[in-house]
Amino acid sequence: MTPPSSGIANAAGSECQEMLAASTVCQVTPTRCQARTRLYRDGRLELEGFPVADISEYLADESVTIWLDLRGPDREDLAVLSQEFGLHPRAVQDALHHSQRPKLDRYPSHLFLTADGARLDPGTGELATSELAAFITSHALITIRKDDGLDIGAVIERWDESPDLAKFGVGYLVYGLLDYVVDGQFEAVQSLDDCMEELEDQLLEDVPRGLQVQRRTFQLRKSLVLLRRIVIPMSEVVGELMHHDLHIVGDDLMPYYQGVYDQALRDAEWTESLRELVTSIVETNLIIQGNRLNVITKKVTGWAAIIAIPTLITGFFGMNVPYPGFGDRAGLAASVVTIALAALVLYLVFKRKDWL
């Protein structure tokens, strides 16, 4: 008779095989989070979606390169990996923390890398970021994602677009990952630039949009501050990976990493120029508002001067003392004509001087 626990295990294994047939994600792992796996042997993709528990069997083979991706792991999940791959406790702790600055830390047995994907919503001007942590060993790349903001499927497509580079092992996997992250940051910077150009056009429109422009400027400025925080350090991270003493990037891969490094530098420089642009937009908006206020004040003052003349005349002729034409229709007509002529003369003078 089959024990109940054995039946459950067989059912779970059968279910995992059915899921594996539909996707590359297998649920029977020593970790409780979602996991994806890949195995390259001698530069060719050999296995995909195998259980994490089998990784230890493959690590002994020097010709094998392994990729493991975990989505939203907890401390216990990473503790299992720490024992399996010999990960430093400090690096494991950093992988669990949020809001890490992009960096590359060196440890005796591995490297620890953090980076952020970025995506800008042009409609709202809000920047969405997704944190990524990676452990880099001589034969394995372990990626840790806090959420689904970074499309790991797109990273896999990048790897599959250049299968001839798979022979370079971990360096090839890290290149595809960083290339996707840096390209995503470039698209975010470009979208932010487009939004600021649109905002500049709104500043010069005939219909004032002071409050709308202020809100939009504030949101774009907030997104820019966040984008600078994740873009500026990326060139430093890629540059450190290119050091020969790390033995990650060989001479054959160096041109590819150089391209990623140049793109990261361009993103950083573009971000700095956007910082000056948003400051210019804020200052221009203040100047335009000041000019419009001056025009309004000038117009109000001009109309007040026009109204002051009739007020003066009616006040004078409204006195309870005799004056020329007092009690006569001629006096009324003279006052009305004087008011009309004085108002017309002032209006023409102010209009000529562009005060109205």
Protein backbone atom coordinates (compact mmCIF):
# COMPACT_ATOMS: atom_id res chain seq x y z
CA MET A 1 0.00 0.00 0.00
CA THR A 2 1.39 3.42 -0.98
CA PRO A 3 1.82 5.82 1.94
CA PRO A 4 -0.26 9.01 1.71
CA SER A 5 2.84 11.21 1.68
CA SER A 6 4.24 9.27 -1.28
CA GLY A 7 1.03 9.72 -3.21
CA ILE A 8 1.09 13.46 -2.57
CA ALA A 9 4.70 13.67 -3.71
CA ASN A 10 3.92 11.73 -6.90
CA ALA A 11 0.95 14.00 -7.58
CA ALA A 12 3.08 17.09 -7.01
CA GLY A 13 5.76 15.74 -9.32
CA SER A 14 3.20 14.96 -12.01
CA GLU A 15 1.68 18.42 -11.66
CA CYS A 16 5.10 20.05 -11.96
CA GLN A 17 5.83 18.09 -15.15
CA GLU A 18 2.55 19.29 -16.65
CA MET A 19 3.39 22.91 -15.72
CA LEU A 20 6.92 22.52 -17.03
CA ALA A 21 5.54 21.41 -20.36
CA ALA A 22 3.62 24.68 -20.57
CA SER A 23 6.35 27.00 -19.25
CA THR A 24 9.92 27.07 -18.00
CA VAL A 25 8.92 27.62 -14.36
CA CYS A 26 8.91 24.60 -12.06
CA GLN A 27 7.30 24.80 -8.63
CA VAL A 28 8.95 21.82 -6.89
CA THR A 29 12.03 23.60 -5.49
CA PRO A 30 13.67 23.88 -2.09
CA THR A 31 12.56 27.51 -2.14
CA ARG A 32 8.98 28.66 -1.69
CA CYS A 33 9.22 31.48 -4.22
CA GLN A 34 8.87 31.28 -7.99
CA ALA A 35 12.04 30.03 -9.66
CA ARG A 36 13.38 29.74 -13.20
CA THR A 37 16.45 27.78 -14.22
CA ARG A 38 18.66 27.31 -17.25
CA LEU A 39 21.74 25.19 -17.89
CA TYR A 40 24.34 25.75 -20.60
CA ARG A 41 26.93 23.11 -21.38
CA ASP A 42 29.91 23.95 -23.57
CA GLY A 43 28.14 27.06 -24.85
CA ARG A 44 24.82 25.38 -25.71
CA LEU A 45 21.50 25.55 -23.93
CA GLU A 46 20.93 22.04 -22.61
CA LEU A 47 18.27 22.24 -19.89
CA GLU A 48 15.56 24.67 -18.92
CA GLY A 49 13.10 24.68 -16.03
CA PHE A 50 14.78 21.92 -14.02
CA PRO A 51 14.31 21.81 -10.21
CA VAL A 52 16.57 23.97 -8.09
CA ALA A 53 17.42 20.90 -6.03
CA ASP A 54 19.32 19.49 -9.04
CA ILE A 55 21.69 22.46 -9.29
CA SER A 56 24.19 20.97 -6.86
CA GLU A 57 24.60 17.96 -9.15
CA TYR A 58 25.56 20.16 -12.10
CA LEU A 59 27.88 22.58 -10.31
CA ALA A 60 30.69 20.04 -10.14
CA ASP A 61 30.94 20.05 -13.95
CA GLU A 62 33.34 22.78 -15.11
CA SER A 63 31.73 22.89 -18.55
CA VAL A 64 28.35 23.90 -17.11
CA THR A 65 26.97 27.42 -16.68
CA ILE A 66 23.78 27.83 -14.62
CA TRP A 67 21.24 30.61 -14.38
CA LEU A 68 18.78 30.73 -11.51
CA ASP A 69 16.13 33.40 -11.12
CA LEU A 70 14.08 33.88 -7.95
CA ARG A 71 11.08 36.16 -7.75
CA GLY A 72 10.34 37.65 -4.31
CA PRO A 73 12.41 35.26 -2.13
CA ASP A 74 12.42 35.55 1.65
CA ARG A 75 15.28 35.05 4.10
CA GLU A 76 14.78 31.29 4.31
CA ASP A 77 14.85 30.91 0.53
CA LEU A 78 18.16 32.75 0.28
CA ALA A 79 19.57 30.80 3.21
CA VAL A 80 19.21 27.64 1.10
CA LEU A 81 21.11 29.27 -1.76
CA SER A 82 23.73 30.66 0.62
CA GLN A 83 24.61 27.13 1.71
CA GLU A 84 24.54 25.78 -1.83
CA PHE A 85 26.66 28.49 -3.50
CA GLY A 86 28.65 29.76 -0.51
CA LEU A 87 27.16 33.25 -0.67
CA HIS A 88 28.36 35.82 1.81
CA PRO A 89 25.78 36.63 4.55
CA ARG A 90 26.28 40.35 3.99
CA ALA A 91 25.43 40.00 0.29
CA VAL A 92 22.37 37.90 1.14
CA GLN A 93 21.22 40.59 3.54
CA ASP A 94 21.65 43.29 0.87
CA ALA A 95 19.61 41.20 -1.57
CA LEU A 96 16.67 41.28 0.85
CA HIS A 97 16.82 45.01 1.51
CA HIS A 98 14.93 47.52 -0.63
CA SER A 99 16.17 50.77 -2.18
CA GLN A 100 19.73 49.57 -2.68
CA ARG A 101 22.00 51.86 -4.68
CA PRO A 102 23.31 50.27 -7.92
CA LYS A 103 26.68 48.80 -7.02
CA LEU A 104 29.11 45.92 -7.45
CA ASP A 105 30.56 44.32 -4.32
CA ARG A 106 33.44 41.85 -4.35
CA TYR A 107 33.51 38.76 -2.12
CA PRO A 108 36.02 35.91 -2.09
CA SER A 109 33.80 33.42 -3.93
CA HIS A 110 31.43 35.66 -5.88
CA LEU A 111 30.34 39.15 -6.92
CA PHE A 112 27.16 40.86 -5.77
CA LEU A 113 25.48 43.29 -8.16
CA THR A 114 22.43 45.50 -7.73
CA ALA A 115 20.67 47.48 -10.46
CA ASP A 116 17.25 48.93 -11.22
CA GLY A 117 14.98 48.66 -14.20
CA ALA A 118 13.06 51.84 -15.06
CA ARG A 119 9.87 52.59 -16.94
CA LEU A 120 8.21 56.01 -17.31
CA ASP A 121 4.47 56.49 -17.73
CA PRO A 122 4.20 59.41 -20.23
CA GLY A 123 0.61 60.08 -19.22
CA THR A 124 1.21 60.67 -15.52
CA GLY A 125 4.95 61.36 -15.60
CA GLU A 126 5.51 58.76 -12.86
CA LEU A 127 8.65 56.61 -12.93
CA ALA A 128 8.28 52.96 -11.97
CA THR A 129 11.45 51.17 -10.87
CA SER A 130 12.15 47.50 -10.26
CA GLU A 131 15.06 46.38 -8.13
CA LEU A 132 17.32 43.57 -9.25
CA ALA A 133 20.06 41.82 -7.30
CA ALA A 134 22.48 39.29 -8.80
CA PHE A 135 25.08 36.90 -7.43
CA ILE A 136 27.84 36.20 -9.94
CA THR A 137 30.06 33.14 -9.48
CA SER A 138 32.49 31.51 -11.86
CA HIS A 139 29.83 29.14 -13.24
CA ALA A 140 26.49 30.57 -12.14
CA LEU A 141 24.36 33.69 -12.29
CA ILE A 142 21.64 34.04 -9.66
CA THR A 143 19.16 36.87 -10.17
CA ILE A 144 16.84 38.08 -7.41
CA ARG A 145 13.78 40.12 -8.40
CA LYS A 146 11.61 41.91 -5.86
CA ASP A 147 8.63 42.09 -8.26
CA ASP A 148 7.62 41.55 -11.89
CA GLY A 149 8.49 45.09 -12.95
CA LEU A 150 11.60 43.84 -14.74
CA ASP A 151 10.58 41.53 -17.59
CA ILE A 152 12.87 38.55 -17.17
CA GLY A 153 11.35 36.99 -20.29
CA ALA A 154 12.78 39.88 -22.33
CA VAL A 155 16.21 39.16 -20.84
CA ILE A 156 15.92 35.53 -21.92
CA GLU A 157 15.05 36.71 -25.44
CA ARG A 158 18.25 38.76 -25.48
CA TRP A 159 20.26 35.70 -24.55
CA ASP A 160 18.58 33.66 -27.25
CA GLU A 161 19.25 36.37 -29.87
CA SER A 162 23.01 35.80 -29.47
CA PRO A 163 23.48 32.04 -28.92
CA ASP A 164 27.01 32.24 -30.30
CA LEU A 165 28.03 34.20 -27.18
CA ALA A 166 26.87 31.46 -24.80
CA LYS A 167 30.33 29.89 -24.98
CA PHE A 168 31.60 32.76 -22.82
CA GLY A 169 29.64 31.46 -19.84
CA VAL A 170 28.61 33.75 -17.00
CA GLY A 171 30.06 36.80 -18.71
CA TYR A 172 27.58 36.30 -21.55
CA LEU A 173 24.62 36.03 -19.14
CA VAL A 174 25.64 39.14 -17.23
CA TYR A 175 26.10 41.05 -20.49
CA GLY A 176 22.57 40.24 -21.68
CA LEU A 177 21.12 41.21 -18.32
CA LEU A 178 22.94 44.55 -18.10
CA ASP A 179 22.28 45.35 -21.75
CA TYR A 180 18.53 44.98 -21.12
CA VAL A 181 18.62 47.07 -17.93
CA VAL A 182 20.66 49.89 -19.49
CA ASP A 183 18.48 49.96 -22.60
CA GLY A 184 15.40 50.21 -20.39
CA GLN A 185 16.92 53.13 -18.54
CA PHE A 186 17.70 54.80 -21.88
CA GLU A 187 14.06 54.49 -22.93
CA ALA A 188 12.98 56.03 -19.61
CA VAL A 189 15.38 58.96 -20.09
CA GLN A 190 14.15 59.45 -23.65
CA SER A 191 10.50 59.42 -22.54
CA LEU A 192 11.30 61.93 -19.82
CA ASP A 193 12.97 64.19 -22.36
CA ASP A 194 9.90 64.01 -24.62
CA CYS A 195 7.63 64.90 -21.70
CA MET A 196 9.77 67.94 -20.88
CA GLU A 197 9.73 69.12 -24.49
CA GLU A 198 5.93 68.86 -24.44
CA LEU A 199 5.92 70.82 -21.19
CA GLU A 200 8.04 73.56 -22.79
CA ASP A 201 5.47 73.88 -25.57
CA GLN A 202 2.69 74.27 -23.01
CA LEU A 203 4.58 77.12 -21.37
CA LEU A 204 4.38 79.19 -24.55
CA GLU A 205 0.73 78.56 -25.32
CA ASP A 206 -1.64 81.54 -25.44
CA VAL A 207 -3.98 79.95 -22.90
CA PRO A 208 -2.33 80.07 -19.46
CA ARG A 209 -1.88 76.67 -17.77
CA GLY A 210 -0.01 77.78 -14.71
CA LEU A 211 -1.32 75.23 -12.19
CA GLN A 212 -1.28 72.36 -14.68
CA VAL A 213 2.29 73.16 -15.71
CA GLN A 214 3.38 73.41 -12.08
CA ARG A 215 1.94 69.99 -11.23
CA ARG A 216 3.47 68.41 -14.31
CA THR A 217 6.83 70.01 -13.61
CA PHE A 218 6.80 68.80 -10.03
CA GLN A 219 6.02 65.21 -11.08
CA LEU A 220 8.69 65.17 -13.81
CA ARG A 221 11.22 66.66 -11.44
CA LYS A 222 10.41 63.97 -8.88
CA SER A 223 10.81 61.25 -11.52
CA LEU A 224 14.09 62.78 -12.68
CA VAL A 225 15.54 62.71 -9.16
CA LEU A 226 14.68 59.01 -8.88
CA LEU A 227 16.01 58.28 -12.36
CA ARG A 228 19.33 59.99 -11.64
CA ARG A 229 19.77 57.85 -8.54
CA ILE A 230 19.62 54.63 -10.55
CA VAL A 231 21.24 55.79 -13.82
CA ILE A 232 24.32 57.69 -12.65
CA PRO A 233 26.02 54.71 -10.87
CA MET A 234 25.42 52.24 -13.73
CA SER A 235 28.49 53.26 -15.73
CA GLU A 236 30.60 52.68 -12.63
CA VAL A 237 29.06 49.21 -12.14
CA VAL A 238 29.68 48.18 -15.75
CA GLY A 239 33.19 49.65 -15.66
CA GLU A 240 34.12 47.61 -12.60
CA LEU A 241 32.88 44.41 -14.24
CA MET A 242 35.25 45.05 -17.13
CA HIS A 243 38.32 44.78 -14.88
CA HIS A 244 40.44 41.83 -15.94
CA ASP A 245 41.16 40.77 -12.37
CA LEU A 246 37.52 39.72 -11.93
CA HIS A 247 37.82 37.17 -14.76
CA ILE A 248 34.22 37.80 -15.84
CA VAL A 249 34.76 39.67 -19.10
CA GLY A 250 37.25 38.19 -21.51
CA ASP A 251 38.81 39.93 -24.48
CA ASP A 252 36.14 38.54 -26.81
CA LEU A 253 33.32 39.99 -24.71
CA MET A 254 35.05 43.30 -24.04
CA PRO A 255 33.57 45.11 -27.11
CA TYR A 256 30.05 44.13 -26.04
CA TYR A 257 30.59 45.39 -22.51
CA GLN A 258 32.17 48.54 -23.91
CA GLY A 259 28.93 49.17 -25.80
CA VAL A 260 26.90 48.79 -22.60
CA TYR A 261 29.34 51.06 -20.78
CA ASP A 262 29.07 53.75 -23.47
CA GLN A 263 25.28 53.52 -23.33
CA ALA A 264 25.33 53.86 -19.53
CA LEU A 265 27.54 56.95 -19.84
CA ARG A 266 25.18 58.44 -22.40
CA ASP A 267 22.21 57.81 -20.09
CA ALA A 268 24.03 59.54 -17.24
CA GLU A 269 24.99 62.56 -19.35
CA TRP A 270 21.49 62.85 -20.78
CA THR A 271 20.03 62.69 -17.27
CA GLU A 272 22.30 65.51 -16.14
CA SER A 273 21.19 67.65 -19.09
CA LEU A 274 17.55 66.97 -18.16
CA ARG A 275 18.33 68.23 -14.68
CA GLU A 276 19.35 71.57 -16.17
CA LEU A 277 16.33 71.51 -18.47
CA VAL A 278 13.79 71.00 -15.67
CA THR A 279 15.44 73.82 -13.71
CA SER A 280 15.14 76.02 -16.79
CA ILE A 281 11.45 75.08 -17.15
CA VAL A 282 10.77 76.03 -13.52
CA GLU A 283 12.54 79.37 -13.93
CA THR A 284 10.83 80.08 -17.26
CA ASN A 285 7.43 79.29 -15.76
CA LEU A 286 8.08 81.75 -12.94
CA ILE A 287 9.19 84.44 -15.40
CA ILE A 288 6.12 83.91 -17.59
CA GLN A 289 3.82 84.07 -14.58
CA GLY A 290 5.55 87.27 -13.46
CA ASN A 291 5.17 88.80 -16.91
CA ARG A 292 1.51 87.86 -17.07
CA LEU A 293 0.98 89.38 -13.62
CA ASN A 294 2.65 92.59 -14.76
CA VAL A 295 0.41 92.73 -17.84
CA ILE A 296 -2.69 92.17 -15.72
CA THR A 297 -1.58 94.83 -13.24
CA LYS A 298 -0.90 97.25 -16.08
CA LYS A 299 -4.32 96.67 -17.61
CA VAL A 300 -6.13 97.02 -14.30
CA THR A 301 -4.23 100.25 -13.58
CA GLY A 302 -5.14 101.65 -17.01
CA TRP A 303 -8.83 100.90 -16.61
CA ALA A 304 -8.74 102.34 -13.10
CA ALA A 305 -7.31 105.59 -14.56
CA ILE A 306 -10.06 105.69 -17.17
CA ILE A 307 -12.72 105.21 -14.51
CA ALA A 308 -11.12 107.85 -12.27
CA ILE A 309 -11.88 110.73 -14.69
CA PRO A 310 -15.65 110.12 -14.78
CA THR A 311 -15.61 109.69 -11.04
CA LEU A 312 -13.86 113.04 -10.67
CA ILE A 313 -16.30 114.84 -12.96
CA THR A 314 -19.42 113.32 -11.43
CA GLY A 315 -18.09 114.06 -8.01
CA PHE A 316 -17.43 117.70 -8.89
CA PHE A 317 -20.79 118.28 -10.53
CA GLY A 318 -22.49 116.42 -7.74
CA MET A 319 -21.59 119.06 -5.17
CA ASN A 320 -24.42 120.98 -3.51
CA VAL A 321 -23.00 124.36 -4.63
CA PRO A 322 -23.83 126.38 -7.70
CA TYR A 323 -21.56 125.99 -10.76
CA PRO A 324 -21.80 126.96 -14.42
CA GLY A 325 -24.81 125.15 -15.84
CA PHE A 326 -26.13 124.26 -12.39
CA GLY A 327 -29.72 123.08 -12.63
CA ASP A 328 -29.61 123.29 -16.42
CA ARG A 329 -29.66 120.59 -19.10
CA ALA A 330 -26.63 122.18 -20.69
CA GLY A 331 -24.62 121.44 -17.58
CA LEU A 332 -25.66 117.77 -17.69
CA ALA A 333 -24.77 117.51 -21.38
CA ALA A 334 -21.40 119.18 -20.80
CA SER A 335 -20.53 116.75 -17.99
CA VAL A 336 -21.52 113.71 -20.06
CA VAL A 337 -19.53 114.88 -23.08
CA THR A 338 -16.53 115.63 -20.88
CA ILE A 339 -16.67 112.15 -19.32
CA ALA A 340 -16.92 110.46 -22.73
CA LEU A 341 -14.12 112.49 -24.30
CA ALA A 342 -11.79 112.09 -21.32
CA ALA A 343 -12.36 108.31 -21.18
CA LEU A 344 -11.82 107.99 -24.96
CA VAL A 345 -8.64 110.04 -24.91
CA LEU A 346 -7.18 108.00 -22.02
CA TYR A 347 -8.15 104.73 -23.71
CA LEU A 348 -6.44 105.72 -26.97
CA VAL A 349 -3.32 106.92 -25.15
CA PHE A 350 -3.04 103.74 -23.05
CA LYS A 351 -3.71 101.53 -26.07
CA ARG A 352 -0.98 103.28 -28.03
CA LYS A 353 1.47 102.76 -25.20
CA ASP A 354 0.37 99.09 -24.97
CA TRP A 355 -0.93 99.52 -21.47
CA LEU A 356 -4.25 97.94 -22.37
